[in-house]
């Protein structure tokens, strides 16, 4: 059974930076799509970013140019580097994982929906002060 644990959330000033971590246990990360989603109070969960086992990445338009998933998932941990944070980035951030057959060539645009992911973390809160 795969378990995902997020960390790194907290309070940050507008314009500041944070780095979130998602540690996976239960299996070695391979043939995967790993993603970040977020949910703000009163809003639906939304896609933030994803990376596949080849290192390809995709980002929501709202975070493009500000958020980055480092291309190398080392030690079974995925990161999300968040720069130039805004009030509208405030949310609970979740990591999610999908695993496929060896050698899968993922079309990451098809992995913006939460129902593509079988494994989820518990979430970590990001609060942005203005």
Foldseek 3Di string as FASTA:
>chain_A
DKAWAKDFADEEAQQAKTKMKIAIDDDADDQKKKFKWWDAPPGDIFGAKIAGRVQDMDGDPVQPPFKDWPRDCPNRMTMIIGGNDDQVVWTWMKMFMAHDDHPDDDPCVVVRDPVRTDYMHPTDTHGYHD
